[in-house]
Amino acid sequence: MRRIRLSTGFEIELDGDILAVLEALYREVSLKLALRVSFEDMMREIKGLVAQMDAEERERYLVESLFLNTVTYENEMLDAYVRKLTGGRKKGRGPQAGRSA
């Protein structure tokens, strides 16, 4: 399996797992810059990764990215619909979840 490298030197295995790429970007860019990462910083890093990929790898990751973004979008739309149905209340996961006030 081929690997590509972030500017930090961290290597990412190109196995089609977009979440591994996102996690590496978060750990190696966002966290190392103490969450003070700019749009330009992240775009530079992403462009550097894409430049190291061949056409087949770019296509595979684009398809995976579109799928992940579609699922995320659907979940956000469903969450907004549920909030509308429940009058803006959202059940939490803590000990108070499900209890009426």
C-alpha atoms as a PDB file:
ATOM      1  CA  MET A   1       0.000   0.000   0.000  1.00  0.00           C
ATOM      2  CA  ARG A   2       1.315   3.417  -0.939  1.00  0.00           C
ATOM      3  CA  ARG A   3       1.832   6.197   1.589  1.00  0.00           C
ATOM      4  CA  ILE A   4       1.739   9.973   1.324  1.00  0.00           C
ATOM      5  CA  ARG A   5       3.243  12.457   3.739  1.00  0.00           C
ATOM      6  CA  LEU A   6       1.926  15.518   5.566  1.00  0.00           C
ATOM      7  CA  SER A   7       4.214  18.530   5.975  1.00  0.00           C
ATOM      8  CA  THR A   8       4.787  17.365   9.572  1.00  0.00           C
ATOM      9  CA  GLY A   9       6.343  14.165   8.246  1.00  0.00           C
ATOM     10  CA  PHE A  10       3.406  12.010   9.323  1.00  0.00           C
ATOM     11  CA  GLU A  11       2.634   9.328   6.732  1.00  0.00           C
ATOM     12  CA  ILE A  12      -0.853   8.296   5.668  1.00  0.00           C
ATOM     13  CA  GLU A  13      -1.514   4.923   4.075  1.00  0.00           C
ATOM     14  CA  LEU A  14      -3.651   5.275   0.945  1.00  0.00           C
ATOM     15  CA  ASP A  15      -6.136   2.473   1.536  1.00  0.00           C
ATOM     16  CA  GLY A  16      -9.291   4.403   0.614  1.00  0.00           C
ATOM     17  CA  ASP A  17     -10.173   5.283   4.211  1.00  0.00           C
ATOM     18  CA  ILE A  18     -11.099   8.985   4.147  1.00  0.00           C
ATOM     19  CA  LEU A  19     -11.632   9.010   7.912  1.00  0.00           C
ATOM     20  CA  ALA A  20      -7.980   8.073   8.438  1.00  0.00           C
ATOM     21  CA  VAL A  21      -6.973  11.073   6.300  1.00  0.00           C
ATOM     22  CA  LEU A  22      -9.332  13.385   8.217  1.00  0.00           C
ATOM     23  CA  GLU A  23      -8.045  12.100  11.548  1.00  0.00           C
ATOM     24  CA  ALA A  24      -4.442  12.628  10.466  1.00  0.00           C
ATOM     25  CA  LEU A  25      -5.203  16.180   9.334  1.00  0.00           C
ATOM     26  CA  TYR A  26      -6.916  16.906  12.637  1.00  0.00           C
ATOM     27  CA  ARG A  27      -4.108  15.456  14.767  1.00  0.00           C
ATOM     28  CA  GLU A  28      -1.180  16.693  12.726  1.00  0.00           C
ATOM     29  CA  VAL A  29      -2.463  20.122  11.711  1.00  0.00           C
ATOM     30  CA  SER A  30      -5.312  21.264  13.978  1.00  0.00           C
ATOM     31  CA  LEU A  31      -4.014  19.876  17.263  1.00  0.00           C
ATOM     32  CA  LYS A  32      -0.350  20.671  16.619  1.00  0.00           C
ATOM     33  CA  LEU A  33      -1.357  24.276  15.980  1.00  0.00           C
ATOM     34  CA  ALA A  34      -3.446  24.218  19.182  1.00  0.00           C
ATOM     35  CA  LEU A  35      -6.657  24.568  17.119  1.00  0.00           C
ATOM     36  CA  ARG A  36      -5.407  27.912  15.750  1.00  0.00           C
ATOM     37  CA  VAL A  37      -5.255  26.508  12.241  1.00  0.00           C
ATOM     38  CA  SER A  38      -6.354  28.859   9.493  1.00  0.00           C
ATOM     39  CA  PHE A  39      -8.294  28.061   6.362  1.00  0.00           C
ATOM     40  CA  GLU A  40      -5.097  28.640   4.390  1.00  0.00           C
ATOM     41  CA  ASP A  41      -3.079  26.280   6.621  1.00  0.00           C
ATOM     42  CA  MET A  42      -5.552  23.444   6.166  1.00  0.00           C
ATOM     43  CA  MET A  43      -6.000  24.055   2.422  1.00  0.00           C
ATOM     44  CA  ARG A  44      -2.227  24.043   1.917  1.00  0.00           C
ATOM     45  CA  GLU A  45      -1.987  20.714   3.734  1.00  0.00           C
ATOM     46  CA  ILE A  46      -4.895  19.165   1.799  1.00  0.00           C
ATOM     47  CA  LYS A  47      -3.517  20.392  -1.538  1.00  0.00           C
ATOM     48  CA  GLY A  48      -0.163  18.888  -0.618  1.00  0.00           C
ATOM     49  CA  LEU A  49      -1.798  15.516   0.010  1.00  0.00           C
ATOM     50  CA  VAL A  50      -3.828  15.622  -3.206  1.00  0.00           C
ATOM     51  CA  ALA A  51      -0.708  16.546  -5.211  1.00  0.00           C
ATOM     52  CA  GLN A  52       0.932  13.324  -4.021  1.00  0.00           C
ATOM     53  CA  MET A  53      -1.982  11.163  -5.247  1.00  0.00           C
ATOM     54  CA  ASP A  54      -2.308   9.740  -8.732  1.00  0.00           C
ATOM     55  CA  ALA A  55      -5.543  10.131 -10.728  1.00  0.00           C
ATOM     56  CA  GLU A  56      -7.030   6.831  -9.503  1.00  0.00           C
ATOM     57  CA  GLU A  57      -6.343   7.682  -5.846  1.00  0.00           C
ATOM     58  CA  ARG A  58      -7.825  11.170  -6.239  1.00  0.00           C
ATOM     59  CA  GLU A  59     -10.970   9.688  -7.783  1.00  0.00           C
ATOM     60  CA  ARG A  60     -11.324   7.113  -5.007  1.00  0.00           C
ATOM     61  CA  TYR A  61     -10.952   9.748  -2.281  1.00  0.00           C
ATOM     62  CA  LEU A  62     -13.293  12.185  -4.047  1.00  0.00           C
ATOM     63  CA  VAL A  63     -16.006   9.513  -4.210  1.00  0.00           C
ATOM     64  CA  GLU A  64     -15.448   8.636  -0.539  1.00  0.00           C
ATOM     65  CA  SER A  65     -15.535  12.321   0.419  1.00  0.00           C
ATOM     66  CA  LEU A  66     -18.768  12.959  -1.471  1.00  0.00           C
ATOM     67  CA  PHE A  67     -20.364   9.938   0.176  1.00  0.00           C
ATOM     68  CA  LEU A  68     -19.286  11.018   3.669  1.00  0.00           C
ATOM     69  CA  ASN A  69     -20.474  14.574   3.072  1.00  0.00           C
ATOM     70  CA  THR A  70     -23.832  13.328   1.754  1.00  0.00           C
ATOM     71  CA  VAL A  71     -24.381  11.228   4.882  1.00  0.00           C
ATOM     72  CA  THR A  72     -23.358  14.154   7.097  1.00  0.00           C
ATOM     73  CA  TYR A  73     -25.717  16.485   5.228  1.00  0.00           C
ATOM     74  CA  GLU A  74     -28.597  14.003   5.530  1.00  0.00           C
ATOM     75  CA  ASN A  75     -27.983  13.661   9.265  1.00  0.00           C
ATOM     76  CA  GLU A  76     -27.958  17.434   9.738  1.00  0.00           C
ATOM     77  CA  MET A  77     -31.204  17.794   7.774  1.00  0.00           C
ATOM     78  CA  LEU A  78     -32.860  15.019   9.811  1.00  0.00           C
ATOM     79  CA  ASP A  79     -31.638  16.606  13.043  1.00  0.00           C
ATOM     80  CA  ALA A  80     -33.138  19.961  12.012  1.00  0.00           C
ATOM     81  CA  TYR A  81     -36.424  18.245  11.123  1.00  0.00           C
ATOM     82  CA  VAL A  82     -36.551  16.448  14.488  1.00  0.00           C
ATOM     83  CA  ARG A  83     -35.844  19.727  16.318  1.00  0.00           C
ATOM     84  CA  LYS A  84     -38.669  21.353  14.387  1.00  0.00           C
ATOM     85  CA  LEU A  85     -41.045  18.518  15.305  1.00  0.00           C
ATOM     86  CA  THR A  86     -40.065  18.626  18.977  1.00  0.00           C
ATOM     87  CA  GLY A  87     -40.203  22.398  19.241  1.00  0.00           C
ATOM     88  CA  GLY A  88     -36.444  22.824  19.450  1.00  0.00           C
ATOM     89  CA  ARG A  89     -35.899  20.363  22.302  1.00  0.00           C
ATOM     90  CA  LYS A  90     -33.101  17.932  21.840  1.00  0.00           C
ATOM     91  CA  LYS A  91     -32.671  14.972  24.141  1.00  0.00           C
ATOM     92  CA  GLY A  92     -29.247  14.687  25.705  1.00  0.00           C
ATOM     93  CA  ARG A  93     -27.332  11.610  26.716  1.00  0.00           C
ATOM     94  CA  GLY A  94     -26.722  12.482  30.344  1.00  0.00           C
ATOM     95  CA  PRO A  95     -28.640  11.309  33.407  1.00  0.00           C
ATOM     96  CA  GLN A  96     -31.328  13.950  32.788  1.00  0.00           C
ATOM     97  CA  ALA A  97     -32.090  12.709  29.259  1.00  0.00           C
ATOM     98  CA  GLY A  98     -35.693  11.731  28.763  1.00  0.00           C
ATOM     99  CA  ARG A  99     -36.900  13.354  31.990  1.00  0.00           C
ATOM    100  CA  SER A 100     -39.532  16.026  31.769  1.00  0.00           C
ATOM    101  CA  ALA A 101     -38.908  19.343  33.444  1.00  0.00           C
END
